[in-house]
Amino acid sequence: MKNDVFRYSDCPVHRSMAILGTKWKPIIIYALRERKARFGQIYTAVGSISKKVLTTTLRELEADGVLLREEFKELPPRVEYSLTKKGRALIPIIIQLAQWDTIYHEENVVGCE
């Protein structure tokens, strides 16, 4: 995995970014903050992500212990994703990041009215 250099680093920021270091992971975590969701629900909530990238990202988050993938033996088959304790611990951090953006996003905007 390309993030292994960071994953096994002595630096906690490197290790954290090895788990959260793509643009989609925090968005997916935020989308799952209040409830379990199926693939299609996550796909709709996230927006302009491809299904292939969403699948890969969900697998990575599951492998990192952030998401739980639950398969139900039904017809048709059903799979739900939810945050683990580790994943839920990220919600306040992601909310803080959104609050930071709300405060500072306009300072560097050029040519917008």
PDB file of N, CA and C in Angstrom:
ATOM      1  N   MET A   1       0.848  -1.184   0.000  1.00  0.00           N
ATOM      2  CA  MET A   1       0.000   0.000   0.000  1.00  0.00           C
ATOM      3  C   MET A   1       0.887   1.239   0.000  1.00  0.00           C
ATOM      4  N   LYS A   2       0.497   2.230  -0.790  1.00  0.00           N
ATOM      5  CA  LYS A   2       1.327   3.417  -0.937  1.00  0.00           C
ATOM      6  C   LYS A   2       1.463   4.233   0.339  1.00  0.00           C
ATOM      7  N   ASN A   3       0.568   4.081   1.293  1.00  0.00           N
ATOM      8  CA  ASN A   3       0.622   4.838   2.546  1.00  0.00           C
ATOM      9  C   ASN A   3       1.421   4.137   3.637  1.00  0.00           C
ATOM     10  N   ASP A   4       2.047   3.001   3.327  1.00  0.00           N
ATOM     11  CA  ASP A   4       2.769   2.256   4.350  1.00  0.00           C
ATOM     12  C   ASP A   4       3.915   3.045   4.967  1.00  0.00           C
ATOM     13  N   VAL A   5       4.568   3.905   4.193  1.00  0.00           N
ATOM     14  CA  VAL A   5       5.653   4.727   4.733  1.00  0.00           C
ATOM     15  C   VAL A   5       5.118   5.585   5.868  1.00  0.00           C
ATOM     16  N   PHE A   6       3.926   6.139   5.678  1.00  0.00           N
ATOM     17  CA  PHE A   6       3.322   6.965   6.718  1.00  0.00           C
ATOM     18  C   PHE A   6       2.722   6.125   7.838  1.00  0.00           C
ATOM     19  N   ARG A   7       2.116   5.002   7.482  1.00  0.00           N
ATOM     20  CA  ARG A   7       1.426   4.157   8.449  1.00  0.00           C
ATOM     21  C   ARG A   7       2.363   3.680   9.567  1.00  0.00           C
ATOM     22  N   TYR A   8       3.602   3.421   9.228  1.00  0.00           N
ATOM     23  CA  TYR A   8       4.553   2.886  10.203  1.00  0.00           C
ATOM     24  C   TYR A   8       5.554   3.936  10.684  1.00  0.00           C
ATOM     25  N   SER A   9       5.239   5.187  10.465  1.00  0.00           N
ATOM     26  CA  SER A   9       6.087   6.287  10.892  1.00  0.00           C
ATOM     27  C   SER A   9       6.011   6.462  12.414  1.00  0.00           C
ATOM     28  N   ASP A  10       7.007   7.128  12.962  1.00  0.00           N
ATOM     29  CA  ASP A  10       6.977   7.491  14.378  1.00  0.00           C
ATOM     30  C   ASP A  10       6.143   8.748  14.616  1.00  0.00           C
ATOM     31  N   CYS A  11       5.766   9.420  13.544  1.00  0.00           N
ATOM     32  CA  CYS A  11       5.013  10.682  13.647  1.00  0.00           C
ATOM     33  C   CYS A  11       3.507  10.416  13.658  1.00  0.00           C
ATOM     34  N   PRO A  12       2.786  10.871  14.679  1.00  0.00           N
ATOM     35  CA  PRO A  12       1.348  10.637  14.742  1.00  0.00           C
ATOM     36  C   PRO A  12       0.578  11.326  13.610  1.00  0.00           C
ATOM     37  N   VAL A  13       1.081  12.445  13.106  1.00  0.00           N
ATOM     38  CA  VAL A  13       0.407  13.108  11.993  1.00  0.00           C
ATOM     39  C   VAL A  13       0.528  12.247  10.735  1.00  0.00           C
ATOM     40  N   HIS A  14       1.702  11.693  10.489  1.00  0.00           N
ATOM     41  CA  HIS A  14       1.875  10.782   9.348  1.00  0.00           C
ATOM     42  C   HIS A  14       0.934   9.592   9.452  1.00  0.00           C
ATOM     43  N   ARG A  15       0.878   8.993  10.642  1.00  0.00           N
ATOM     44  CA  ARG A  15       0.013   7.814  10.818  1.00  0.00           C
ATOM     45  C   ARG A  15      -1.456   8.169  10.622  1.00  0.00           C
ATOM     46  N   SER A  16      -1.881   9.311  11.136  1.00  0.00           N
ATOM     47  CA  SER A  16      -3.278   9.737  10.972  1.00  0.00           C
ATOM     48  C   SER A  16      -3.607   9.991   9.514  1.00  0.00           C
ATOM     49  N   MET A  17      -2.705  10.648   8.812  1.00  0.00           N
ATOM     50  CA  MET A  17      -2.952  10.962   7.407  1.00  0.00           C
ATOM     51  C   MET A  17      -2.890   9.710   6.531  1.00  0.00           C
ATOM     52  N   ALA A  18      -2.219   8.671   6.981  1.00  0.00           N
ATOM     53  CA  ALA A  18      -2.236   7.408   6.245  1.00  0.00           C
ATOM     54  C   ALA A  18      -3.649   6.837   6.213  1.00  0.00           C
ATOM     55  N   ILE A  19      -4.423   7.113   7.243  1.00  0.00           N
ATOM     56  CA  ILE A  19      -5.809   6.637   7.301  1.00  0.00           C
ATOM     57  C   ILE A  19      -6.755   7.630   6.639  1.00  0.00           C
ATOM     58  N   LEU A  20      -6.561   8.915   6.861  1.00  0.00           N
ATOM     59  CA  LEU A  20      -7.515   9.925   6.382  1.00  0.00           C
ATOM     60  C   LEU A  20      -7.029  10.710   5.164  1.00  0.00           C
ATOM     61  N   GLY A  21      -5.920  10.331   4.585  1.00  0.00           N
ATOM     62  CA  GLY A  21      -5.243  11.159   3.599  1.00  0.00           C
ATOM     63  C   GLY A  21      -5.810  11.235   2.200  1.00  0.00           C
ATOM     64  N   THR A  22      -7.041  10.883   1.967  1.00  0.00           N
ATOM     65  CA  THR A  22      -7.638  11.126   0.656  1.00  0.00           C
ATOM     66  C   THR A  22      -8.787  12.102   0.830  1.00  0.00           C
ATOM     67  N   LYS A  23      -9.188  12.715  -0.261  1.00  0.00           N
ATOM     68  CA  LYS A  23     -10.248  13.717  -0.135  1.00  0.00           C
ATOM     69  C   LYS A  23     -11.590  13.100   0.214  1.00  0.00           C
ATOM     70  N   TRP A  24     -11.799  11.828  -0.080  1.00  0.00           N
ATOM     71  CA  TRP A  24     -13.119  11.222   0.121  1.00  0.00           C
ATOM     72  C   TRP A  24     -13.331  10.650   1.512  1.00  0.00           C
ATOM     73  N   LYS A  25     -12.283  10.223   2.182  1.00  0.00           N
ATOM     74  CA  LYS A  25     -12.455   9.535   3.466  1.00  0.00           C
ATOM     75  C   LYS A  25     -13.157  10.389   4.524  1.00  0.00           C
ATOM     76  N   PRO A  26     -12.732  11.622   4.769  1.00  0.00           N
ATOM     77  CA  PRO A  26     -13.460  12.431   5.761  1.00  0.00           C
ATOM     78  C   PRO A  26     -14.917  12.678   5.360  1.00  0.00           C
ATOM     79  N   ILE A  27     -15.173  12.814   4.060  1.00  0.00           N
ATOM     80  CA  ILE A  27     -16.535  13.053   3.591  1.00  0.00           C
ATOM     81  C   ILE A  27     -17.415  11.827   3.837  1.00  0.00           C
ATOM     82  N   ILE A  28     -16.872  10.648   3.599  1.00  0.00           N
ATOM     83  CA  ILE A  28     -17.609   9.403   3.847  1.00  0.00           C
ATOM     84  C   ILE A  28     -17.868   9.231   5.334  1.00  0.00           C
ATOM     85  N   ILE A  29     -16.869   9.491   6.139  1.00  0.00           N
ATOM     86  CA  ILE A  29     -17.036   9.386   7.590  1.00  0.00           C
ATOM     87  C   ILE A  29     -18.128  10.347   8.062  1.00  0.00           C
ATOM     88  N   TYR A  30     -18.095  11.563   7.555  1.00  0.00           N
ATOM     89  CA  TYR A  30     -19.110  12.547   7.921  1.00  0.00           C
ATOM     90  C   TYR A  30     -20.502  12.096   7.478  1.00  0.00           C
ATOM     91  N   ALA A  31     -20.587  11.487   6.310  1.00  0.00           N
ATOM     92  CA  ALA A  31     -21.885  11.003   5.807  1.00  0.00           C
ATOM     93  C   ALA A  31     -22.456   9.897   6.696  1.00  0.00           C
ATOM     94  N   LEU A  32     -21.593   9.165   7.383  1.00  0.00           N
ATOM     95  CA  LEU A  32     -22.035   8.059   8.245  1.00  0.00           C
ATOM     96  C   LEU A  32     -22.120   8.461   9.722  1.00  0.00           C
ATOM     97  N   ARG A  33     -22.035   9.746  10.004  1.00  0.00           N
ATOM     98  CA  ARG A  33     -21.951  10.195  11.401  1.00  0.00           C
ATOM     99  C   ARG A  33     -23.187   9.891  12.222  1.00  0.00           C
ATOM    100  N   GLU A  34     -24.364   9.811  11.602  1.00  0.00           N
ATOM    101  CA  GLU A  34     -25.598   9.658  12.380  1.00  0.00           C
ATOM    102  C   GLU A  34     -26.272   8.310  12.234  1.00  0.00           C
ATOM    103  N   ARG A  35     -25.888   7.550  11.197  1.00  0.00           N
ATOM    104  CA  ARG A  35     -26.604   6.287  11.009  1.00  0.00           C
ATOM    105  C   ARG A  35     -25.832   5.352  10.089  1.00  0.00           C
ATOM    106  N   LYS A  36     -26.259   4.111  10.097  1.00  0.00           N
ATOM    107  CA  LYS A  36     -25.753   3.134   9.143  1.00  0.00           C
ATOM    108  C   LYS A  36     -26.276   3.497   7.761  1.00  0.00           C
ATOM    109  N   ALA A  37     -25.565   3.062   6.733  1.00  0.00           N
ATOM    110  CA  ALA A  37     -26.032   3.346   5.378  1.00  0.00           C
ATOM    111  C   ALA A  37     -25.578   2.243   4.438  1.00  0.00           C
ATOM    112  N   ARG A  38     -26.346   2.075   3.393  1.00  0.00           N
ATOM    113  CA  ARG A  38     -25.990   1.143   2.333  1.00  0.00           C
ATOM    114  C   ARG A  38     -25.134   1.874   1.304  1.00  0.00           C
ATOM    115  N   PHE A  39     -24.513   1.094   0.428  1.00  0.00           N
ATOM    116  CA  PHE A  39     -23.616   1.653  -0.576  1.00  0.00           C
ATOM    117  C   PHE A  39     -24.286   2.776  -1.365  1.00  0.00           C
ATOM    118  N   GLY A  40     -25.471   2.536  -1.869  1.00  0.00           N
ATOM    119  CA  GLY A  40     -26.176   3.531  -2.674  1.00  0.00           C
ATOM    120  C   GLY A  40     -26.476   4.806  -1.909  1.00  0.00           C
ATOM    121  N   GLN A  41     -26.777   4.679  -0.635  1.00  0.00           N
ATOM    122  CA  GLN A  41     -27.046   5.855   0.194  1.00  0.00           C
ATOM    123  C   GLN A  41     -25.776   6.680   0.395  1.00  0.00           C
ATOM    124  N   ILE A  42     -24.655   5.984   0.604  1.00  0.00           N
ATOM    125  CA  ILE A  42     -23.375   6.687   0.753  1.00  0.00           C
ATOM    126  C   ILE A  42     -23.016   7.372  -0.564  1.00  0.00           C
ATOM    127  N   TYR A  43     -23.194   6.651  -1.661  1.00  0.00           N
ATOM    128  CA  TYR A  43     -22.897   7.188  -2.995  1.00  0.00           C
ATOM    129  C   TYR A  43     -23.689   8.469  -3.250  1.00  0.00           C
ATOM    130  N   THR A  44     -24.952   8.474  -2.897  1.00  0.00           N
ATOM    131  CA  THR A  44     -25.801   9.651  -3.079  1.00  0.00           C
ATOM    132  C   THR A  44     -25.377  10.784  -2.147  1.00  0.00           C
ATOM    133  N   ALA A  45     -25.059  10.461  -0.903  1.00  0.00           N
ATOM    134  CA  ALA A  45     -24.690  11.485   0.079  1.00  0.00           C
ATOM    135  C   ALA A  45     -23.361  12.152  -0.255  1.00  0.00           C
ATOM    136  N   VAL A  46     -22.428  11.375  -0.771  1.00  0.00           N
ATOM    137  CA  VAL A  46     -21.092  11.908  -1.042  1.00  0.00           C
ATOM    138  C   VAL A  46     -21.084  12.775  -2.289  1.00  0.00           C
ATOM    139  N   GLY A  47     -21.810  12.386  -3.300  1.00  0.00           N
ATOM    140  CA  GLY A  47     -21.875  13.226  -4.493  1.00  0.00           C
ATOM    141  C   GLY A  47     -21.009  12.732  -5.626  1.00  0.00           C
ATOM    142  N   SER A  48     -20.063  13.507  -6.059  1.00  0.00           N
ATOM    143  CA  SER A  48     -19.349  13.267  -7.312  1.00  0.00           C
ATOM    144  C   SER A  48     -18.190  12.275  -7.216  1.00  0.00           C
ATOM    145  N   ILE A  49     -18.383  11.192  -6.534  1.00  0.00           N
ATOM    146  CA  ILE A  49     -17.386  10.130  -6.424  1.00  0.00           C
ATOM    147  C   ILE A  49     -17.792   9.011  -7.385  1.00  0.00           C
ATOM    148  N   SER A  50     -16.816   8.350  -7.975  1.00  0.00           N
ATOM    149  CA  SER A  50     -17.148   7.204  -8.827  1.00  0.00           C
ATOM    150  C   SER A  50     -17.427   5.992  -7.943  1.00  0.00           C
ATOM    151  N   LYS A  51     -18.175   5.054  -8.462  1.00  0.00           N
ATOM    152  CA  LYS A  51     -18.487   3.849  -7.687  1.00  0.00           C
ATOM    153  C   LYS A  51     -17.225   3.042  -7.394  1.00  0.00           C
ATOM    154  N   LYS A  52     -16.286   3.031  -8.326  1.00  0.00           N
ATOM    155  CA  LYS A  52     -15.035   2.308  -8.118  1.00  0.00           C
ATOM    156  C   LYS A  52     -14.230   2.926  -6.977  1.00  0.00           C
ATOM    157  N   VAL A  53     -14.119   4.247  -6.979  1.00  0.00           N
ATOM    158  CA  VAL A  53     -13.373   4.934  -5.916  1.00  0.00           C
ATOM    159  C   VAL A  53     -14.086   4.761  -4.575  1.00  0.00           C
ATOM    160  N   LEU A  54     -15.410   4.829  -4.568  1.00  0.00           N
ATOM    161  CA  LEU A  54     -16.156   4.622  -3.331  1.00  0.00           C
ATOM    162  C   LEU A  54     -15.915   3.217  -2.788  1.00  0.00           C
ATOM    163  N   THR A  55     -15.962   2.228  -3.646  1.00  0.00           N
ATOM    164  CA  THR A  55     -15.716   0.847  -3.217  1.00  0.00           C
ATOM    165  C   THR A  55     -14.326   0.706  -2.613  1.00  0.00           C
ATOM    166  N   THR A  56     -13.324   1.234  -3.296  1.00  0.00           N
ATOM    167  CA  THR A  56     -11.943   1.155  -2.803  1.00  0.00           C
ATOM    168  C   THR A  56     -11.800   1.871  -1.470  1.00  0.00           C
ATOM    169  N   THR A  57     -12.399   3.040  -1.362  1.00  0.00           N
ATOM    170  CA  THR A  57     -12.284   3.835  -0.140  1.00  0.00           C
ATOM    171  C   THR A  57     -12.985   3.156   1.029  1.00  0.00           C
ATOM    172  N   LEU A  58     -14.155   2.582   0.796  1.00  0.00           N
ATOM    173  CA  LEU A  58     -14.858   1.852   1.858  1.00  0.00           C
ATOM    174  C   LEU A  58     -14.021   0.670   2.337  1.00  0.00           C
ATOM    175  N   ARG A  59     -13.395  -0.038   1.415  1.00  0.00           N
ATOM    176  CA  ARG A  59     -12.535  -1.178   1.786  1.00  0.00           C
ATOM    177  C   ARG A  59     -11.350  -0.723   2.627  1.00  0.00           C
ATOM    178  N   GLU A  60     -10.735   0.404   2.243  1.00  0.00           N
ATOM    179  CA  GLU A  60      -9.602   0.924   3.005  1.00  0.00           C
ATOM    180  C   GLU A  60     -10.025   1.349   4.410  1.00  0.00           C
ATOM    181  N   LEU A  61     -11.157   2.031   4.512  1.00  0.00           N
ATOM    182  CA  LEU A  61     -11.640   2.451   5.832  1.00  0.00           C
ATOM    183  C   LEU A  61     -11.986   1.250   6.703  1.00  0.00           C
ATOM    184  N   GLU A  62     -12.521   0.219   6.099  1.00  0.00           N
ATOM    185  CA  GLU A  62     -12.813  -1.007   6.846  1.00  0.00           C
ATOM    186  C   GLU A  62     -11.512  -1.662   7.311  1.00  0.00           C
ATOM    187  N   ALA A  63     -10.531  -1.755   6.423  1.00  0.00           N
ATOM    188  CA  ALA A  63      -9.238  -2.360   6.780  1.00  0.00           C
ATOM    189  C   ALA A  63      -8.536  -1.583   7.891  1.00  0.00           C
ATOM    190  N   ASP A  64      -8.753  -0.267   7.932  1.00  0.00           N
ATOM    191  CA  ASP A  64      -8.138   0.576   8.965  1.00  0.00           C
ATOM    192  C   ASP A  64      -8.935   0.607  10.263  1.00  0.00           C
ATOM    193  N   GLY A  65     -10.055  -0.114  10.309  1.00  0.00           N
ATOM    194  CA  GLY A  65     -10.843  -0.184  11.528  1.00  0.00           C
ATOM    195  C   GLY A  65     -11.738   1.021  11.777  1.00  0.00           C
ATOM    196  N   VAL A  66     -11.987   1.814  10.744  1.00  0.00           N
ATOM    197  CA  VAL A  66     -12.824   3.002  10.877  1.00  0.00           C
ATOM    198  C   VAL A  66     -14.286   2.671  10.588  1.00  0.00           C
ATOM    199  N   LEU A  67     -14.504   1.743   9.666  1.00  0.00           N
ATOM    200  CA  LEU A  67     -15.853   1.330   9.272  1.00  0.00           C
ATOM    201  C   LEU A  67     -16.084  -0.136   9.589  1.00  0.00           C
ATOM    202  N   LEU A  68     -17.344  -0.443   9.818  1.00  0.00           N
ATOM    203  CA  LEU A  68     -17.783  -1.824   9.955  1.00  0.00           C
ATOM    204  C   LEU A  68     -18.683  -2.127   8.768  1.00  0.00           C
ATOM    205  N   ARG A  69     -18.387  -3.204   8.058  1.00  0.00           N
ATOM    206  CA  ARG A  69     -19.206  -3.652   6.926  1.00  0.00           C
ATOM    207  C   ARG A  69     -19.995  -4.854   7.401  1.00  0.00           C
ATOM    208  N   GLU A  70     -21.307  -4.729   7.350  1.00  0.00           N
ATOM    209  CA  GLU A  70     -22.191  -5.781   7.851  1.00  0.00           C
ATOM    210  C   GLU A  70     -22.987  -6.370   6.692  1.00  0.00           C
ATOM    211  N   GLU A  71     -22.794  -7.661   6.453  1.00  0.00           N
ATOM    212  CA  GLU A  71     -23.531  -8.358   5.396  1.00  0.00           C
ATOM    213  C   GLU A  71     -24.729  -9.078   6.000  1.00  0.00           C
ATOM    214  N   PHE A  72     -25.869  -8.948   5.350  1.00  0.00           N
ATOM    215  CA  PHE A  72     -27.074  -9.633   5.787  1.00  0.00           C
ATOM    216  C   PHE A  72     -27.409 -10.714   4.772  1.00  0.00           C
ATOM    217  N   LYS A  73     -27.633 -11.900   5.254  1.00  0.00           N
ATOM    218  CA  LYS A  73     -27.943 -13.041   4.390  1.00  0.00           C
ATOM    219  C   LYS A  73     -29.423 -13.016   4.039  1.00  0.00           C
ATOM    220  N   GLU A  74     -29.750 -12.164   3.105  1.00  0.00           N
ATOM    221  CA  GLU A  74     -31.134 -11.989   2.659  1.00  0.00           C
ATOM    222  C   GLU A  74     -31.165 -12.054   1.137  1.00  0.00           C
ATOM    223  N   LEU A  75     -32.348 -12.127   0.613  1.00  0.00           N
ATOM    224  CA  LEU A  75     -32.538 -12.012  -0.823  1.00  0.00           C
ATOM    225  C   LEU A  75     -33.411 -10.799  -1.090  1.00  0.00           C
ATOM    226  N   PRO A  76     -32.970  -9.815  -1.781  1.00  0.00           N
ATOM    227  CA  PRO A  76     -31.608  -9.652  -2.302  1.00  0.00           C
ATOM    228  C   PRO A  76     -30.629  -9.361  -1.161  1.00  0.00           C
ATOM    229  N   PRO A  77     -29.342  -9.655  -1.387  1.00  0.00           N
ATOM    230  CA  PRO A  77     -28.341  -9.411  -0.339  1.00  0.00           C
ATOM    231  C   PRO A  77     -28.292  -7.932   0.049  1.00  0.00           C
ATOM    232  N   ARG A  78     -28.002  -7.696   1.297  1.00  0.00           N
ATOM    233  CA  ARG A  78     -27.939  -6.322   1.807  1.00  0.00           C
ATOM    234  C   ARG A  78     -26.646  -6.155   2.586  1.00  0.00           C
ATOM    235  N   VAL A  79     -25.981  -5.012   2.385  1.00  0.00           N
ATOM    236  CA  VAL A  79     -24.753  -4.672   3.102  1.00  0.00           C
ATOM    237  C   VAL A  79     -24.934  -3.274   3.671  1.00  0.00           C
ATOM    238  N   GLU A  80     -24.595  -3.111   4.945  1.00  0.00           N
ATOM    239  CA  GLU A  80     -24.657  -1.801   5.585  1.00  0.00           C
ATOM    240  C   GLU A  80     -23.289  -1.440   6.148  1.00  0.00           C
ATOM    241  N   TYR A  81     -22.995  -0.160   6.102  1.00  0.00           N
ATOM    242  CA  TYR A  81     -21.743   0.364   6.639  1.00  0.00           C
ATOM    243  C   TYR A  81     -22.062   1.265   7.819  1.00  0.00           C
ATOM    244  N   SER A  82     -21.230   1.171   8.841  1.00  0.00           N
ATOM    245  CA  SER A  82     -21.378   2.045  10.004  1.00  0.00           C
ATOM    246  C   SER A  82     -19.990   2.356  10.549  1.00  0.00           C
ATOM    247  N   LEU A  83     -19.920   3.385  11.359  1.00  0.00           N
ATOM    248  CA  LEU A  83     -18.646   3.762  11.970  1.00  0.00           C
ATOM    249  C   LEU A  83     -18.370   2.901  13.187  1.00  0.00           C
ATOM    250  N   THR A  84     -17.127   2.530  13.358  1.00  0.00           N
ATOM    251  CA  THR A  84     -16.689   1.854  14.572  1.00  0.00           C
ATOM    252  C   THR A  84     -16.445   2.926  15.643  1.00  0.00           C
ATOM    253  N   LYS A  85     -16.059   2.504  16.812  1.00  0.00           N
ATOM    254  CA  LYS A  85     -15.712   3.452  17.872  1.00  0.00           C
ATOM    255  C   LYS A  85     -14.581   4.367  17.387  1.00  0.00           C
ATOM    256  N   LYS A  86     -13.607   3.779  16.730  1.00  0.00           N
ATOM    257  CA  LYS A  86     -12.486   4.536  16.174  1.00  0.00           C
ATOM    258  C   LYS A  86     -12.984   5.561  15.149  1.00  0.00           C
ATOM    259  N   GLY A  87     -13.924   5.175  14.310  1.00  0.00           N
ATOM    260  CA  GLY A  87     -14.488   6.076  13.316  1.00  0.00           C
ATOM    261  C   GLY A  87     -15.308   7.190  13.936  1.00  0.00           C
ATOM    262  N   ARG A  88     -16.117   6.849  14.943  1.00  0.00           N
ATOM    263  CA  ARG A  88     -16.938   7.870  15.617  1.00  0.00           C
ATOM    264  C   ARG A  88     -16.072   8.908  16.322  1.00  0.00           C
ATOM    265  N   ALA A  89     -14.885   8.508  16.764  1.00  0.00           N
ATOM    266  CA  ALA A  89     -13.977   9.446  17.422  1.00  0.00           C
ATOM    267  C   ALA A  89     -13.477  10.519  16.461  1.00  0.00           C
ATOM    268  N   LEU A  90     -13.590  10.282  15.170  1.00  0.00           N
ATOM    269  CA  LEU A  90     -13.156  11.263  14.169  1.00  0.00           C
ATOM    270  C   LEU A  90     -14.197  12.351  13.896  1.00  0.00           C
ATOM    271  N   ILE A  91     -15.438  12.113  14.258  1.00  0.00           N
ATOM    272  CA  ILE A  91     -16.512  13.066  13.949  1.00  0.00           C
ATOM    273  C   ILE A  91     -16.240  14.463  14.526  1.00  0.00           C
ATOM    274  N   PRO A  92     -15.878  14.609  15.803  1.00  0.00           N
ATOM    275  CA  PRO A  92     -15.609  15.964  16.317  1.00  0.00           C
ATOM    276  C   PRO A  92     -14.462  16.656  15.571  1.00  0.00           C
ATOM    277  N   ILE A  93     -13.488  15.894  15.122  1.00  0.00           N
ATOM    278  CA  ILE A  93     -12.359  16.462  14.381  1.00  0.00           C
ATOM    279  C   ILE A  93     -12.831  16.982  13.024  1.00  0.00           C
ATOM    280  N   ILE A  94     -13.663  16.202  12.346  1.00  0.00           N
ATOM    281  CA  ILE A  94     -14.173  16.601  11.037  1.00  0.00           C
ATOM    282  C   ILE A  94     -15.109  17.809  11.179  1.00  0.00           C
ATOM    283  N   ILE A  95     -15.909  17.836  12.233  1.00  0.00           N
ATOM    284  CA  ILE A  95     -16.781  18.993  12.482  1.00  0.00           C
ATOM    285  C   ILE A  95     -15.942  20.237  12.757  1.00  0.00           C
ATOM    286  N   GLN A  96     -14.860  20.075  13.508  1.00  0.00           N
ATOM    287  CA  GLN A  96     -13.967  21.200  13.771  1.00  0.00           C
ATOM    288  C   GLN A  96     -13.338  21.715  12.477  1.00  0.00           C
ATOM    289  N   LEU A  97     -12.991  20.822  11.589  1.00  0.00           N
ATOM    290  CA  LEU A  97     -12.430  21.208  10.307  1.00  0.00           C
ATOM    291  C   LEU A  97     -13.450  22.013   9.498  1.00  0.00           C
ATOM    292  N   ALA A  98     -14.698  21.576   9.525  1.00  0.00           N
ATOM    293  CA  ALA A  98     -15.764  22.309   8.828  1.00  0.00           C
ATOM    294  C   ALA A  98     -15.962  23.691   9.451  1.00  0.00           C
ATOM    295  N   GLN A  99     -15.893  23.777  10.764  1.00  0.00           N
ATOM    296  CA  GLN A  99     -16.028  25.073  11.438  1.00  0.00           C
ATOM    297  C   GLN A  99     -14.870  25.992  11.085  1.00  0.00           C
ATOM    298  N   TRP A 100     -13.682  25.446  11.001  1.00  0.00           N
ATOM    299  CA  TRP A 100     -12.506  26.209  10.601  1.00  0.00           C
ATOM    300  C   TRP A 100     -12.725  26.800   9.209  1.00  0.00           C
ATOM    301  N   ASP A 101     -13.238  25.977   8.291  1.00  0.00           N
ATOM    302  CA  ASP A 101     -13.499  26.454   6.932  1.00  0.00           C
ATOM    303  C   ASP A 101     -14.541  27.572   6.929  1.00  0.00           C
ATOM    304  N   THR A 102     -15.569  27.427   7.744  1.00  0.00           N
ATOM    305  CA  THR A 102     -16.615  28.444   7.816  1.00  0.00           C
ATOM    306  C   THR A 102     -16.026  29.792   8.237  1.00  0.00           C
ATOM    307  N   ILE A 103     -15.072  29.768   9.113  1.00  0.00           N
ATOM    308  CA  ILE A 103     -14.453  31.007   9.598  1.00  0.00           C
ATOM    309  C   ILE A 103     -13.489  31.591   8.567  1.00  0.00           C
ATOM    310  N   TYR A 104     -12.669  30.753   7.937  1.00  0.00           N
ATOM    311  CA  TYR A 104     -11.551  31.258   7.152  1.00  0.00           C
ATOM    312  C   TYR A 104     -11.665  31.120   5.636  1.00  0.00           C
ATOM    313  N   HIS A 105     -12.672  30.488   5.112  1.00  0.00           N
ATOM    314  CA  HIS A 105     -12.682  30.203   3.674  1.00  0.00           C
ATOM    315  C   HIS A 105     -12.725  31.443   2.793  1.00  0.00           C
ATOM    316  N   GLU A 106     -13.294  32.534   3.241  1.00  0.00           N
ATOM    317  CA  GLU A 106     -13.420  33.713   2.398  1.00  0.00           C
ATOM    318  C   GLU A 106     -12.161  34.564   2.343  1.00  0.00           C
ATOM    319  N   GLU A 107     -11.243  34.365   3.257  1.00  0.00           N
ATOM    320  CA  GLU A 107     -10.034  35.194   3.287  1.00  0.00           C
ATOM    321  C   GLU A 107      -9.187  35.050   2.036  1.00  0.00           C
ATOM    322  N   ASN A 108      -9.158  33.881   1.437  1.00  0.00           N
ATOM    323  CA  ASN A 108      -8.295  33.644   0.276  1.00  0.00           C
ATOM    324  C   ASN A 108      -9.052  33.559  -1.037  1.00  0.00           C
ATOM    325  N   VAL A 109     -10.339  33.860  -1.045  1.00  0.00           N
ATOM    326  CA  VAL A 109     -11.120  33.780  -2.259  1.00  0.00           C
ATOM    327  C   VAL A 109     -10.842  35.009  -3.108  1.00  0.00           C
ATOM    328  N   VAL A 110     -10.515  34.780  -4.370  1.00  0.00           N
ATOM    329  CA  VAL A 110     -10.215  35.886  -5.284  1.00  0.00           C
ATOM    330  C   VAL A 110     -11.267  35.907  -6.379  1.00  0.00           C
ATOM    331  N   GLY A 111     -11.858  37.060  -6.622  1.00  0.00           N
ATOM    332  CA  GLY A 111     -12.789  37.222  -7.717  1.00  0.00           C
ATOM    333  C   GLY A 111     -14.189  36.696  -7.483  1.00  0.00           C
ATOM    334  N   CYS A 112     -14.555  36.386  -6.271  1.00  0.00           N
ATOM    335  CA  CYS A 112     -15.915  35.914  -5.967  1.00  0.00           C
ATOM    336  C   CYS A 112     -16.699  37.056  -5.326  1.00  0.00           C
ATOM    337  N   GLU A 113     -17.988  37.036  -5.602  1.00  0.00           N
ATOM    338  CA  GLU A 113     -18.827  38.082  -4.993  1.00  0.00           C
ATOM    339  C   GLU A 113     -19.817  37.464  -4.043  1.00  0.00           C
TER     340      GLU A 113
END
